[in-house]
Protein backbone atom coordinates (compact mmCIF):
# COMPACT_ATOMS: atom_id res chain seq x y z
CA MET A 1 -31.76 22.39 -61.31
CA LEU A 2 -33.21 19.17 -62.70
CA HIS A 3 -30.39 16.86 -63.67
CA ARG A 4 -32.39 13.87 -64.87
CA ALA A 5 -35.99 12.89 -65.49
CA ALA A 6 -37.93 12.00 -62.37
CA ASP A 7 -39.55 8.61 -62.02
CA THR A 8 -43.09 8.37 -63.32
CA VAL A 9 -45.29 8.18 -60.24
CA ALA A 10 -48.61 9.41 -58.94
CA ASP A 11 -47.28 10.50 -55.56
CA PRO A 12 -48.77 13.97 -54.88
CA LEU A 13 -45.94 14.81 -52.46
CA VAL A 14 -43.45 14.84 -55.35
CA SER A 15 -45.13 17.66 -57.26
CA VAL A 16 -45.54 19.70 -54.05
CA LEU A 17 -41.85 19.25 -53.24
CA ARG A 18 -40.84 20.31 -56.76
CA HIS A 19 -42.86 23.50 -56.37
CA HIS A 20 -41.33 24.44 -53.01
CA ALA A 21 -37.77 23.10 -53.41
CA GLU A 22 -35.04 25.77 -53.48
CA PRO A 23 -31.98 24.44 -55.35
CA LEU A 24 -28.72 24.83 -53.44
CA PRO A 25 -25.13 25.28 -54.68
CA ASP A 26 -22.41 22.84 -53.75
CA PRO A 27 -21.46 23.29 -50.06
CA ALA A 28 -17.87 23.69 -51.25
CA ASP A 29 -19.02 27.23 -52.07
CA ALA A 30 -19.60 27.93 -48.39
CA GLY A 31 -20.64 31.56 -48.84
CA ALA A 32 -23.34 30.90 -51.43
CA PHE A 33 -24.57 27.76 -49.65
CA GLY A 34 -24.73 29.44 -46.25
CA ALA A 35 -26.55 32.52 -47.58
CA ALA A 36 -29.63 30.37 -48.29
CA PHE A 37 -30.01 30.02 -44.50
CA ASP A 38 -30.24 33.73 -43.66
CA ARG A 39 -33.92 33.15 -42.92
CA PHE A 40 -32.97 31.23 -39.75
CA GLY A 41 -30.66 33.93 -38.40
CA ASP A 42 -33.21 35.30 -35.93
CA ALA A 43 -33.43 31.99 -34.02
CA ARG A 44 -31.70 31.45 -30.68
CA VAL A 45 -31.01 27.76 -31.35
CA VAL A 46 -30.53 26.23 -34.82
CA LEU A 47 -30.35 22.43 -34.78
CA LEU A 48 -28.63 20.90 -37.82
CA GLY A 49 -29.20 17.19 -38.33
CA GLU A 50 -27.74 14.38 -40.40
CA ALA A 51 -29.31 11.20 -41.72
CA THR A 52 -26.05 9.28 -41.14
CA HIS A 53 -22.99 9.70 -38.94
CA GLY A 54 -20.57 9.26 -41.84
CA THR A 55 -21.53 11.50 -44.80
CA CYS A 56 -19.17 14.16 -46.17
CA GLU A 57 -21.89 16.43 -47.57
CA PHE A 58 -23.72 16.64 -44.23
CA TYR A 59 -20.58 17.82 -42.42
CA ARG A 60 -19.68 20.32 -45.14
CA ALA A 61 -23.23 21.66 -45.35
CA ARG A 62 -23.43 22.11 -41.58
CA ALA A 63 -20.05 23.85 -41.65
CA ALA A 64 -21.19 26.25 -44.40
CA ILE A 65 -24.45 27.03 -42.59
CA SER A 66 -22.63 27.51 -39.28
CA ARG A 67 -20.05 29.81 -40.85
CA HIS A 68 -22.79 32.02 -42.24
CA LEU A 69 -24.78 32.11 -38.99
CA ILE A 70 -21.61 32.96 -37.04
CA GLU A 71 -20.39 35.64 -39.43
CA HIS A 72 -23.71 37.32 -40.19
CA HIS A 73 -26.08 36.56 -37.31
CA GLY A 74 -23.98 36.48 -34.15
CA PHE A 75 -24.12 32.78 -33.26
CA SER A 76 -21.45 32.11 -30.66
CA ILE A 77 -21.72 28.41 -29.69
CA VAL A 78 -21.34 25.27 -31.81
CA ALA A 79 -22.50 22.29 -29.72
CA VAL A 80 -22.10 18.81 -31.17
CA GLU A 81 -23.08 15.21 -30.45
CA ALA A 82 -19.65 14.42 -28.98
CA ASP A 83 -18.11 13.98 -25.55
CA TRP A 84 -17.32 17.20 -23.67
CA PRO A 85 -13.61 16.43 -22.99
CA ASP A 86 -12.99 15.43 -26.62
CA ALA A 87 -14.71 18.55 -27.96
CA ALA A 88 -12.72 20.56 -25.40
CA ARG A 89 -9.52 19.84 -27.33
CA ILE A 90 -11.05 21.35 -30.46
CA ASP A 91 -12.52 24.18 -28.37
CA ASP A 92 -9.06 24.98 -27.00
CA TYR A 93 -7.68 24.94 -30.55
CA VAL A 94 -10.32 27.20 -32.09
CA ARG A 95 -10.30 29.65 -29.15
CA HIS A 96 -6.48 29.79 -28.96
CA GLN A 97 -6.32 28.37 -25.43
CA ALA A 98 -3.83 26.08 -23.72
CA PRO A 99 -5.00 22.44 -24.02
CA ARG A 100 -6.88 21.11 -21.00
CA PRO A 101 -5.29 18.06 -19.28
CA ARG A 102 -6.34 14.61 -20.52
CA ARG A 103 -5.80 10.96 -19.67
CA GLY A 104 -5.70 9.78 -23.28
CA ASP A 105 -6.09 10.68 -26.95
CA VAL A 106 -9.08 12.61 -28.31
CA PHE A 107 -11.95 10.92 -30.16
CA ALA A 108 -10.31 7.55 -29.59
CA ARG A 109 -13.52 5.79 -28.53
CA PHE A 110 -15.61 4.05 -31.21
CA PRO A 111 -16.66 5.50 -33.63
CA THR A 112 -13.49 7.52 -34.21
CA TRP A 113 -14.46 8.64 -37.74
CA MET A 114 -17.59 10.44 -36.54
CA TRP A 115 -15.57 13.48 -35.44
CA ARG A 116 -12.00 12.53 -36.30
CA ASN A 117 -12.41 13.39 -39.96
CA LEU A 118 -11.07 15.88 -42.48
CA GLU A 119 -14.39 17.66 -42.88
CA LEU A 120 -14.54 18.60 -39.20
CA LEU A 121 -10.92 19.75 -39.13
CA GLU A 122 -11.54 22.01 -42.12
CA PHE A 123 -14.29 23.68 -40.11
CA ALA A 124 -12.07 23.83 -37.00
CA ASP A 125 -9.36 25.57 -39.02
CA TRP A 126 -11.88 28.13 -40.28
CA LEU A 127 -13.22 28.72 -36.76
CA ARG A 128 -9.69 29.17 -35.37
CA ALA A 129 -8.98 31.81 -38.03
CA HIS A 130 -12.34 33.49 -37.37
CA ASN A 131 -11.55 33.75 -33.65
CA ALA A 132 -7.93 34.85 -34.05
CA ASP A 133 -8.42 38.64 -33.88
CA ARG A 134 -11.38 38.65 -31.50
CA PRO A 135 -11.27 39.39 -27.77
CA GLU A 136 -11.27 36.25 -25.65
CA GLY A 137 -14.86 36.77 -24.47
CA GLU A 138 -16.16 37.11 -28.04
CA ARG A 139 -14.67 33.95 -29.52
CA VAL A 140 -17.01 31.25 -30.78
CA SER A 141 -16.81 28.06 -28.74
CA PHE A 142 -16.99 24.42 -29.85
CA ARG A 143 -18.60 22.20 -27.21
CA GLY A 144 -19.56 18.55 -26.70
CA LEU A 145 -23.01 17.55 -25.48
CA ASP A 146 -22.71 13.81 -24.88
CA VAL A 147 -22.56 11.64 -21.79
CA TYR A 148 -20.05 8.85 -22.44
CA SER A 149 -16.82 10.37 -21.05
CA LEU A 150 -16.93 8.97 -17.51
CA GLY A 151 -13.17 8.43 -17.08
CA GLU A 152 -12.05 11.63 -18.79
CA SER A 153 -14.63 13.69 -16.89
CA ILE A 154 -13.52 12.27 -13.52
CA HIS A 155 -9.93 13.12 -14.47
CA ALA A 156 -10.93 16.67 -15.44
CA VAL A 157 -12.71 17.33 -12.13
CA LEU A 158 -9.81 15.98 -10.07
CA THR A 159 -7.23 17.93 -12.09
CA TYR A 160 -9.18 21.15 -11.56
CA LEU A 161 -9.56 20.62 -7.81
CA ASP A 162 -5.89 19.64 -7.42
CA ARG A 163 -5.09 23.13 -8.69
CA VAL A 164 -7.61 25.25 -6.79
CA ASP A 165 -8.59 23.21 -3.71
CA PRO A 166 -6.34 20.27 -2.66
CA ASP A 167 -8.61 19.38 0.26
CA GLY A 168 -11.62 19.36 -2.06
CA ALA A 169 -9.63 17.17 -4.48
CA ALA A 170 -9.02 14.61 -1.73
CA GLU A 171 -12.73 14.47 -0.97
CA ALA A 172 -13.57 14.16 -4.69
CA ARG A 173 -11.13 11.24 -5.02
CA ARG A 174 -12.84 9.51 -2.11
CA ARG A 175 -16.26 9.97 -3.70
CA TYR A 176 -15.20 9.08 -7.23
CA GLY A 177 -13.31 6.06 -5.92
CA CYS A 178 -16.64 4.28 -6.13
CA LEU A 179 -16.58 4.74 -9.92
CA THR A 180 -12.91 4.74 -10.87
CA PRO A 181 -12.62 0.91 -11.05
CA TRP A 182 -15.17 1.10 -13.87
CA GLN A 183 -14.10 4.29 -15.62
CA ASP A 184 -12.54 2.54 -18.62
CA GLU A 185 -15.40 0.02 -19.01
CA PRO A 186 -18.42 1.86 -17.58
CA SER A 187 -20.91 -0.60 -19.05
CA HIS A 188 -19.51 -3.17 -16.59
CA TYR A 189 -20.40 -0.78 -13.77
CA GLY A 190 -24.00 -0.71 -14.93
CA ARG A 191 -24.18 -4.50 -14.86
CA ALA A 192 -22.60 -4.69 -11.41
CA ALA A 193 -24.91 -2.01 -9.98
CA LEU A 194 -27.95 -3.80 -11.39
CA MET A 195 -26.88 -7.11 -9.89
CA ALA A 196 -26.25 -5.43 -6.52
CA GLY A 197 -29.77 -4.05 -6.60
CA ASP A 198 -28.83 -0.69 -5.05
CA GLY A 199 -28.28 2.90 -6.14
CA GLY A 200 -24.66 2.25 -6.94
CA CYS A 201 -22.47 5.37 -6.82
CA GLU A 202 -25.19 7.87 -7.63
CA GLY A 203 -25.21 9.59 -4.24
CA LYS A 204 -21.47 10.21 -4.34
CA ALA A 205 -21.58 11.62 -7.87
CA VAL A 206 -24.44 13.93 -6.89
CA ALA A 207 -22.63 15.08 -3.72
CA GLN A 208 -19.54 16.01 -5.72
CA LEU A 209 -21.55 18.06 -8.21
CA ARG A 210 -23.35 19.83 -5.36
CA ASP A 211 -20.04 20.75 -3.74
CA LEU A 212 -18.76 22.34 -6.93
CA LEU A 213 -21.96 24.34 -7.28
CA ALA A 214 -22.07 25.32 -3.60
CA ARG A 215 -18.52 26.67 -3.70
CA ARG A 216 -19.06 28.57 -6.93
CA LEU A 217 -18.20 31.99 -5.50
CA ASP A 218 -14.92 30.70 -4.06
CA TYR A 219 -13.90 28.88 -7.21
CA ILE A 220 -14.80 31.45 -9.86
CA ARG A 221 -12.44 33.94 -8.25
CA HIS A 222 -9.60 31.76 -9.58
CA ASP A 223 -11.03 31.23 -13.09
CA GLY A 224 -14.71 31.23 -13.96
CA GLU A 225 -14.23 29.40 -17.24
CA ALA A 226 -12.23 26.61 -15.59
CA TRP A 227 -14.93 26.28 -12.90
CA PHE A 228 -17.63 25.99 -15.57
CA ASP A 229 -15.62 23.28 -17.34
CA ALA A 230 -15.23 21.34 -14.06
CA VAL A 231 -18.94 21.63 -13.28
CA GLN A 232 -19.89 20.35 -16.73
CA ASN A 233 -17.57 17.38 -16.25
CA ALA A 234 -19.10 16.70 -12.82
CA ARG A 235 -22.54 16.79 -14.46
CA ILE A 236 -21.32 14.23 -16.97
CA VAL A 237 -20.09 11.94 -14.17
CA ARG A 238 -23.51 12.14 -12.54
CA ALA A 239 -25.37 11.60 -15.83
CA ALA A 240 -23.05 8.80 -16.99
CA GLU A 241 -23.49 6.93 -13.70
CA ARG A 242 -27.26 7.01 -14.19
CA TYR A 243 -27.02 6.23 -17.91
CA TYR A 244 -24.91 3.09 -17.50
CA ARG A 245 -27.27 1.76 -14.85
CA ALA A 246 -30.32 2.56 -16.98
CA MET A 247 -28.99 0.88 -20.12
CA TYR A 248 -29.48 -2.52 -18.48
CA ARG A 249 -33.07 -1.72 -17.54
CA SER A 250 -34.59 0.04 -20.53
CA SER A 251 -33.41 1.38 -23.89
CA THR A 252 -36.08 4.09 -23.66
CA GLU A 253 -34.93 5.20 -20.21
CA SER A 254 -31.26 5.32 -21.22
CA TRP A 255 -32.08 7.23 -24.44
CA ASN A 256 -34.10 9.79 -22.47
CA LEU A 257 -31.35 10.20 -19.86
CA ARG A 258 -28.82 10.85 -22.59
CA ASP A 259 -30.90 13.41 -24.49
CA ARG A 260 -32.00 15.14 -21.29
CA HIS A 261 -28.32 15.53 -20.41
CA MET A 262 -27.46 16.87 -23.88
CA PHE A 263 -30.30 19.37 -23.74
CA GLY A 264 -29.30 20.38 -20.21
CA THR A 265 -25.75 21.00 -21.44
CA LEU A 266 -27.08 23.16 -24.27
CA GLN A 267 -29.11 25.21 -21.79
CA ALA A 268 -26.10 25.55 -19.49
CA LEU A 269 -23.99 26.84 -22.39
CA LEU A 270 -26.58 29.46 -23.28
CA ALA A 271 -26.89 30.56 -19.64
CA HIS A 272 -23.10 30.63 -19.16
CA GLN A 273 -22.66 32.95 -22.12
CA GLY A 274 -25.49 35.23 -21.01
CA ASP A 275 -28.02 37.42 -22.77
CA GLY A 276 -27.88 37.27 -26.53
CA ALA A 277 -26.16 33.87 -26.69
CA LYS A 278 -27.12 31.88 -29.78
CA ALA A 279 -26.23 28.23 -30.40
CA ILE A 280 -25.90 25.88 -33.35
CA VAL A 281 -26.31 22.14 -32.64
CA TRP A 282 -24.83 19.39 -34.82
CA ALA A 283 -26.41 15.99 -34.12
CA HIS A 284 -28.20 13.14 -35.85
CA ASN A 285 -31.72 13.71 -37.19
CA SER A 286 -32.96 11.37 -34.46
CA HIS A 287 -31.75 13.89 -31.86
CA VAL A 288 -32.58 17.24 -33.48
CA GLY A 289 -36.01 16.49 -34.94
CA ASN A 290 -39.07 16.58 -32.70
CA ALA A 291 -39.28 13.03 -31.35
CA ALA A 292 -42.99 13.47 -30.60
CA ALA A 293 -43.62 13.37 -34.36
CA THR A 294 -41.88 10.00 -34.83
CA ALA A 295 -42.16 6.38 -33.78
CA MET A 296 -39.50 7.17 -31.17
CA GLY A 297 -41.85 9.52 -29.37
CA TRP A 298 -44.80 7.20 -29.81
CA GLN A 299 -42.91 4.60 -27.76
CA GLY A 300 -41.98 7.06 -25.00
CA GLU A 301 -38.67 8.58 -26.13
CA PHE A 302 -37.92 12.29 -26.29
CA ASN A 303 -34.91 14.18 -27.62
CA ILE A 304 -33.05 17.49 -27.82
CA GLY A 305 -35.25 18.77 -30.63
CA GLU A 306 -38.47 18.19 -28.71
CA LEU A 307 -37.08 19.73 -25.52
CA ALA A 308 -35.67 22.72 -27.42
CA ARG A 309 -39.05 23.33 -29.05
CA MET A 310 -40.74 23.22 -25.64
CA ALA A 311 -38.17 25.58 -24.08
CA HIS A 312 -37.58 28.05 -26.91
CA GLY A 313 -40.70 27.84 -29.08
CA ASP A 314 -40.26 29.50 -32.46
CA GLU A 315 -36.73 30.58 -31.46
CA ALA A 316 -35.63 26.95 -31.96
CA VAL A 317 -35.34 25.81 -35.58
CA SER A 318 -34.74 22.18 -36.50
CA ILE A 319 -33.31 21.38 -39.95
CA GLY A 320 -33.15 17.75 -41.05
CA PHE A 321 -30.82 16.31 -43.70
CA GLY A 322 -31.54 13.49 -46.13
CA THR A 323 -30.00 11.47 -48.95
CA ASP A 324 -30.88 8.64 -51.30
CA THR A 325 -27.75 6.81 -52.46
CA GLY A 326 -23.96 6.98 -52.43
CA THR A 327 -21.44 5.84 -49.87
CA VAL A 328 -21.20 6.17 -46.10
CA ALA A 329 -18.59 5.53 -43.42
CA ALA A 330 -20.07 3.02 -40.99
CA ALA A 331 -19.41 -0.28 -39.22
CA SER A 332 -21.27 -3.57 -39.57
CA ASP A 333 -21.49 -4.04 -35.79
CA TRP A 334 -21.03 -1.88 -32.72
CA GLY A 335 -17.31 -1.60 -32.01
CA GLY A 336 -16.40 -2.92 -35.46
CA ASP A 337 -14.00 -1.49 -38.02
CA MET A 338 -15.08 1.39 -40.19
CA GLU A 339 -16.04 0.42 -43.73
CA ILE A 340 -17.05 2.45 -46.78
CA LYS A 341 -20.51 1.07 -47.49
CA THR A 342 -22.87 1.64 -50.39
CA VAL A 343 -26.19 3.19 -49.38
CA ARG A 344 -29.16 1.45 -50.92
CA PRO A 345 -31.76 3.49 -52.85
CA ALA A 346 -34.58 4.58 -50.55
CA ARG A 347 -37.70 2.44 -50.18
CA PRO A 348 -40.74 3.47 -52.27
CA ASP A 349 -42.81 4.06 -49.11
CA SER A 350 -40.31 6.55 -47.63
CA PHE A 351 -39.94 10.31 -47.56
CA GLU A 352 -36.51 9.90 -49.15
CA HIS A 353 -38.03 8.22 -52.20
CA ALA A 354 -40.36 11.16 -52.76
CA PHE A 355 -37.48 13.63 -52.38
CA ARG A 356 -35.43 11.66 -54.92
CA GLN A 357 -38.28 11.66 -57.42
CA THR A 358 -38.22 15.44 -57.64
CA GLY A 359 -35.17 14.99 -59.87
CA ILE A 360 -33.45 17.92 -58.12
CA GLU A 361 -29.95 17.02 -57.05
CA ARG A 362 -29.58 19.30 -54.02
CA PHE A 363 -32.15 21.59 -52.40
CA LEU A 364 -33.65 23.18 -49.30
CA VAL A 365 -37.34 22.89 -48.52
CA ASP A 366 -38.65 25.12 -45.73
CA TRP A 367 -42.21 24.86 -44.41
CA ARG A 368 -42.16 27.62 -41.79
CA GLY A 369 -44.26 30.75 -42.23
CA GLY A 370 -47.25 31.57 -44.37
CA GLY A 371 -48.11 30.29 -47.81
CA LYS A 372 -46.83 26.79 -47.03
CA GLY A 373 -50.15 25.10 -46.22
CA GLU A 374 -50.04 22.75 -49.21
CA LEU A 375 -46.48 21.67 -48.34
CA VAL A 376 -47.26 21.18 -44.65
CA ALA A 377 -50.33 19.10 -45.51
CA ALA A 378 -48.32 16.93 -47.92
CA LEU A 379 -45.62 16.31 -45.30
CA ARG A 380 -48.13 15.55 -42.57
CA GLY A 381 -48.96 12.07 -43.82
CA PRO A 382 -46.88 9.46 -41.93
CA ARG A 383 -44.19 7.75 -44.00
CA LEU A 384 -41.02 5.82 -43.39
CA GLU A 385 -37.80 7.77 -42.85
CA ARG A 386 -34.28 6.35 -42.90
CA ALA A 387 -31.73 6.72 -40.09
CA ILE A 388 -28.19 5.37 -40.47
CA GLY A 389 -26.03 5.70 -37.36
CA VAL A 390 -22.50 4.44 -36.81
CA VAL A 391 -23.71 0.96 -37.80
CA TYR A 392 -25.24 0.31 -41.23
CA ARG A 393 -26.72 -3.07 -42.16
CA PRO A 394 -28.09 -2.85 -45.72
CA GLU A 395 -29.17 -6.50 -45.61
CA THR A 396 -31.70 -5.73 -42.84
CA GLU A 397 -32.33 -2.12 -43.77
CA ARG A 398 -36.11 -2.04 -43.24
CA ALA A 399 -35.90 -3.37 -39.69
CA SER A 400 -32.61 -1.71 -38.76
CA HIS A 401 -32.82 1.75 -40.31
CA TYR A 402 -36.39 2.85 -41.02
CA PHE A 403 -38.97 4.33 -38.68
CA GLU A 404 -42.30 6.07 -39.19
CA ALA A 405 -42.47 9.86 -38.93
CA VAL A 406 -44.63 12.90 -39.63
CA MET A 407 -42.04 15.17 -41.22
CA ALA A 408 -44.12 18.36 -41.08
CA GLU A 409 -44.03 18.20 -37.28
CA GLN A 410 -40.58 16.65 -36.96
CA PHE A 411 -38.52 19.41 -38.63
CA ASP A 412 -38.95 23.00 -39.77
CA ALA A 413 -36.98 22.45 -42.97
CA LEU A 414 -34.88 19.80 -44.71
CA VAL A 415 -31.69 19.85 -46.78
CA TRP A 416 -31.60 17.19 -49.51
CA PHE A 417 -28.63 15.63 -51.31
CA GLU A 418 -29.59 12.94 -53.81
CA ARG A 419 -26.13 11.30 -53.85
CA THR A 420 -23.55 11.59 -51.09
CA ARG A 421 -20.05 10.39 -50.20
CA ALA A 422 -18.42 9.01 -47.08
CA VAL A 423 -16.45 11.30 -44.78
CA THR A 424 -12.65 11.24 -44.99
CA PRO A 425 -11.47 9.70 -41.70
CA LEU A 426 -8.18 10.60 -40.06
CA GLY A 427 -6.09 7.82 -38.57
CA PRO A 428 -4.31 7.93 -35.21
CA GLU A 429 -1.66 10.24 -36.70
CA HIS A 430 -2.45 13.80 -37.64
CA ALA A 431 -2.77 14.66 -41.31
CA ARG A 432 0.48 14.97 -43.27
CA GLY A 433 1.75 18.53 -43.08
CA ALA A 434 -0.73 19.58 -40.38
CA PRO A 435 0.72 21.87 -37.71
CA GLU A 436 1.32 20.42 -34.26
CA THR A 437 -1.32 22.81 -32.91
CA TRP A 438 -4.04 20.80 -34.66
CA PRO A 439 -6.34 19.25 -32.03
CA PHE A 440 -5.65 15.70 -33.21
CA GLY A 441 -1.90 16.30 -33.35
CA LEU A 442 -1.58 16.79 -29.59
């Protein structure tokens, strides 16, 4: 519904958006909110974005959509822009499994608030309850896609091999010994490898992954799920080794290595679960939208959304999220403390400004299918689009947070919230009154 008069403008996109916008209820009403996304239930992969890494409404909306797709359309994987070993603790919690061994705390690496927040734990509690009465093989999993967990992934591979193949564990320790001095500060490894001018530890990381794959039939007799977890961690070690070397050569190369790994993990999850597997992805708009339709792609970067579209065609649906003003949890610099920052109103030359001018507080706009030619044409003109990550610098917002995009080709639909709030972060202690089985309480 319209909650205030829209600005007086001559932007033709605004009137087109008003015509096609479908008002949404508050995501607190998860059933009603999620039901608006029935239309995407026939997809194999639904990618849910976010315009920031610290907005409450984005997390709650994705949770409501995911709940509906899981309950009514058989989606069985939730894969998020987080490290595999960290997400594994939540996966163990929601699937009622014993916690996998770790070296340290979960989601302790900057930015902790991105996943260590109340909104995520509310979804984890729902997913745990949803899985409670289901057979083990039918429980919905919660998985991490990212590449940063070098030390934890080495630890996971060694712990697995210590249990099933002590001789193999000794060989893995010898190979990974090349990387273990750097496992807590892997960026230092990248600098050292670049200065040495050689391939670093790549060959040893590759050899270890090949061994795990070659001995698949031996290992899966013990526990196929544990073998899959070890293989994914070995893939992370290989990808992280390449990523930390690439980051000193080219931001484009390191970005592409990271998103190729995340997409590869998504594909491995679908293959591991077999025919009929359907996945929901939670990641930033910059990962789930088609990079080829943005300035990112025009400078040589690709992402999960582009690769998913190439691999799955119309069975991959990408839904962006946007906002105008409010507050966001973010830092001023990489590695800095989390702050609650005020989000500036969108620039007049941006998509967000046009969405705000509709005067509709919260809506879905979907440009798939027939009868949407006018909307597609209106969204095909390049405009600026805002992206706030874990760092937000309002004072340099144009240079730091806007890029050019063709939205009609970037997403299939977009969820709009005019005003949003910051996520509720959880500190190093678990929430007061939370059971000890909570993933952050262990």
